[in-house]
Amino acid sequence: MGDHMATIRKLRGRWQAQVRRRGMKPRCKSFGTKLEGEKWARDLEAPVDRFGAAPVST
């Protein structure tokens, strides 16, 4: 599973991070900086990579 990465794109002056993984609901969120979006995406993907489970919290 570790070969999948989030999509980070600039949208209307903000950065949007999108995480789509098998076994978890697609998630997206907007950020002021690309770095914030990348961190959010990594934080969502890490538990899936480690344990094969999506995080329970928002």
N, C-alpha and C. Protein backbone atom coordinates (compact mmCIF):
# COMPACT_ATOMS: atom_id res chain seq x y z
N MET A 1 0.80 -1.21 0.00
CA MET A 1 0.00 0.00 0.00
C MET A 1 0.83 1.27 0.00
N GLY A 2 2.07 1.20 0.42
CA GLY A 2 2.88 2.38 0.59
C GLY A 2 3.25 3.10 -0.70
N ASP A 3 2.89 2.55 -1.86
CA ASP A 3 3.26 3.18 -3.11
C ASP A 3 2.26 4.23 -3.57
N HIS A 4 1.17 4.45 -2.83
CA HIS A 4 0.18 5.46 -3.19
C HIS A 4 0.50 6.75 -2.45
N MET A 5 0.25 7.86 -3.11
CA MET A 5 0.51 9.15 -2.49
C MET A 5 -0.72 10.03 -2.64
N ALA A 6 -0.81 10.99 -1.77
CA ALA A 6 -1.91 11.95 -1.82
C ALA A 6 -1.72 12.88 -3.02
N THR A 7 -2.81 13.49 -3.44
CA THR A 7 -2.76 14.50 -4.48
C THR A 7 -2.78 15.86 -3.81
N ILE A 8 -1.81 16.71 -4.15
CA ILE A 8 -1.74 18.07 -3.62
C ILE A 8 -1.81 19.00 -4.83
N ARG A 9 -2.79 19.93 -4.81
CA ARG A 9 -2.91 20.83 -5.96
C ARG A 9 -3.33 22.21 -5.50
N LYS A 10 -2.99 23.20 -6.31
CA LYS A 10 -3.38 24.57 -6.02
C LYS A 10 -4.76 24.80 -6.63
N LEU A 11 -5.67 25.30 -5.80
CA LEU A 11 -7.05 25.48 -6.23
C LEU A 11 -7.57 26.80 -5.66
N ARG A 12 -7.86 27.72 -6.53
CA ARG A 12 -8.38 29.04 -6.15
C ARG A 12 -7.53 29.74 -5.10
N GLY A 13 -6.23 29.70 -5.29
CA GLY A 13 -5.32 30.41 -4.39
C GLY A 13 -4.96 29.68 -3.11
N ARG A 14 -5.54 28.49 -2.90
CA ARG A 14 -5.23 27.70 -1.72
C ARG A 14 -4.72 26.33 -2.17
N TRP A 15 -4.18 25.57 -1.26
CA TRP A 15 -3.70 24.24 -1.57
C TRP A 15 -4.71 23.21 -1.09
N GLN A 16 -5.05 22.26 -1.96
CA GLN A 16 -5.99 21.21 -1.61
C GLN A 16 -5.25 19.88 -1.59
N ALA A 17 -5.41 19.17 -0.49
CA ALA A 17 -4.83 17.83 -0.36
C ALA A 17 -5.97 16.83 -0.45
N GLN A 18 -5.76 15.77 -1.22
CA GLN A 18 -6.77 14.73 -1.37
C GLN A 18 -6.11 13.38 -1.14
N VAL A 19 -6.72 12.58 -0.27
CA VAL A 19 -6.20 11.25 0.02
C VAL A 19 -7.28 10.24 -0.38
N ARG A 20 -6.91 9.34 -1.26
CA ARG A 20 -7.82 8.27 -1.70
C ARG A 20 -7.10 6.95 -1.52
N ARG A 21 -7.60 6.13 -0.65
CA ARG A 21 -7.01 4.83 -0.38
C ARG A 21 -8.07 3.76 -0.32
N ARG A 22 -7.76 2.59 -0.79
CA ARG A 22 -8.68 1.46 -0.69
C ARG A 22 -8.90 1.17 0.80
N GLY A 23 -10.16 0.96 1.15
CA GLY A 23 -10.48 0.65 2.53
C GLY A 23 -10.79 1.86 3.40
N MET A 24 -10.66 3.06 2.84
CA MET A 24 -11.03 4.25 3.60
C MET A 24 -11.75 5.24 2.71
N LYS A 25 -12.60 6.04 3.33
CA LYS A 25 -13.38 7.03 2.60
C LYS A 25 -12.45 8.11 2.04
N PRO A 26 -12.64 8.55 0.80
CA PRO A 26 -11.81 9.63 0.25
C PRO A 26 -11.94 10.88 1.11
N ARG A 27 -10.83 11.55 1.34
CA ARG A 27 -10.83 12.75 2.18
C ARG A 27 -10.11 13.87 1.44
N CYS A 28 -10.59 15.09 1.58
CA CYS A 28 -9.87 16.23 1.03
C CYS A 28 -10.07 17.42 1.96
N LYS A 29 -9.08 18.31 1.95
CA LYS A 29 -9.10 19.47 2.81
C LYS A 29 -8.21 20.54 2.19
N SER A 30 -8.57 21.81 2.41
CA SER A 30 -7.81 22.94 1.86
C SER A 30 -6.92 23.57 2.92
N PHE A 31 -5.78 24.10 2.47
CA PHE A 31 -4.78 24.68 3.37
C PHE A 31 -4.20 25.95 2.77
N GLY A 32 -3.62 26.77 3.62
CA GLY A 32 -2.97 27.99 3.17
C GLY A 32 -1.62 27.73 2.51
N THR A 33 -0.94 26.67 2.93
CA THR A 33 0.37 26.35 2.35
C THR A 33 0.41 24.90 1.89
N LYS A 34 1.25 24.64 0.92
CA LYS A 34 1.44 23.29 0.41
C LYS A 34 1.98 22.37 1.51
N LEU A 35 2.89 22.90 2.31
CA LEU A 35 3.50 22.11 3.38
C LEU A 35 2.45 21.62 4.39
N GLU A 36 1.48 22.47 4.73
CA GLU A 36 0.41 22.06 5.65
C GLU A 36 -0.42 20.92 5.04
N GLY A 37 -0.71 21.02 3.76
CA GLY A 37 -1.47 19.98 3.07
C GLY A 37 -0.72 18.67 3.02
N GLU A 38 0.58 18.73 2.76
CA GLU A 38 1.40 17.53 2.71
C GLU A 38 1.45 16.85 4.07
N LYS A 39 1.58 17.64 5.13
CA LYS A 39 1.63 17.07 6.48
C LYS A 39 0.30 16.40 6.83
N TRP A 40 -0.81 17.06 6.53
CA TRP A 40 -2.13 16.49 6.80
C TRP A 40 -2.30 15.15 6.08
N ALA A 41 -1.90 15.12 4.81
CA ALA A 41 -2.02 13.89 4.02
C ALA A 41 -1.15 12.78 4.59
N ARG A 42 0.08 13.11 4.97
CA ARG A 42 0.97 12.10 5.56
C ARG A 42 0.39 11.55 6.85
N ASP A 43 -0.18 12.46 7.67
CA ASP A 43 -0.77 12.03 8.94
C ASP A 43 -1.96 11.09 8.73
N LEU A 44 -2.71 11.28 7.66
CA LEU A 44 -3.82 10.38 7.35
C LEU A 44 -3.32 9.05 6.79
N GLU A 45 -2.30 9.09 5.97
CA GLU A 45 -1.82 7.88 5.29
C GLU A 45 -0.96 7.00 6.19
N ALA A 46 -0.28 7.56 7.15
CA ALA A 46 0.65 6.79 7.98
C ALA A 46 0.00 5.60 8.68
N PRO A 47 -1.15 5.77 9.37
CA PRO A 47 -1.75 4.60 10.03
C PRO A 47 -2.16 3.50 9.04
N VAL A 48 -2.59 3.89 7.86
CA VAL A 48 -2.97 2.91 6.84
C VAL A 48 -1.73 2.14 6.40
N ASP A 49 -0.63 2.85 6.20
CA ASP A 49 0.61 2.19 5.80
C ASP A 49 1.12 1.24 6.89
N ARG A 50 1.03 1.68 8.14
CA ARG A 50 1.56 0.88 9.24
C ARG A 50 0.65 -0.28 9.62
N PHE A 51 -0.64 0.00 9.75
CA PHE A 51 -1.54 -0.98 10.35
C PHE A 51 -2.63 -1.48 9.41
N GLY A 52 -2.75 -0.87 8.25
CA GLY A 52 -3.80 -1.27 7.33
C GLY A 52 -5.18 -0.79 7.75
N ALA A 53 -5.21 0.23 8.62
CA ALA A 53 -6.49 0.76 9.10
C ALA A 53 -6.50 2.27 8.99
N ALA A 54 -7.66 2.80 8.66
CA ALA A 54 -7.83 4.24 8.56
C ALA A 54 -8.01 4.83 9.96
N PRO A 55 -7.58 6.08 10.15
CA PRO A 55 -7.77 6.73 11.45
C PRO A 55 -9.25 6.92 11.75
N VAL A 56 -9.60 6.84 13.01
CA VAL A 56 -11.00 6.94 13.42
C VAL A 56 -11.42 8.39 13.55
N SER A 57 -10.55 9.27 14.01
CA SER A 57 -10.90 10.67 14.24
C SER A 57 -10.94 11.45 12.94
N THR A 58 -11.37 12.72 13.03
CA THR A 58 -11.49 13.58 11.86
C THR A 58 -10.13 13.88 11.40
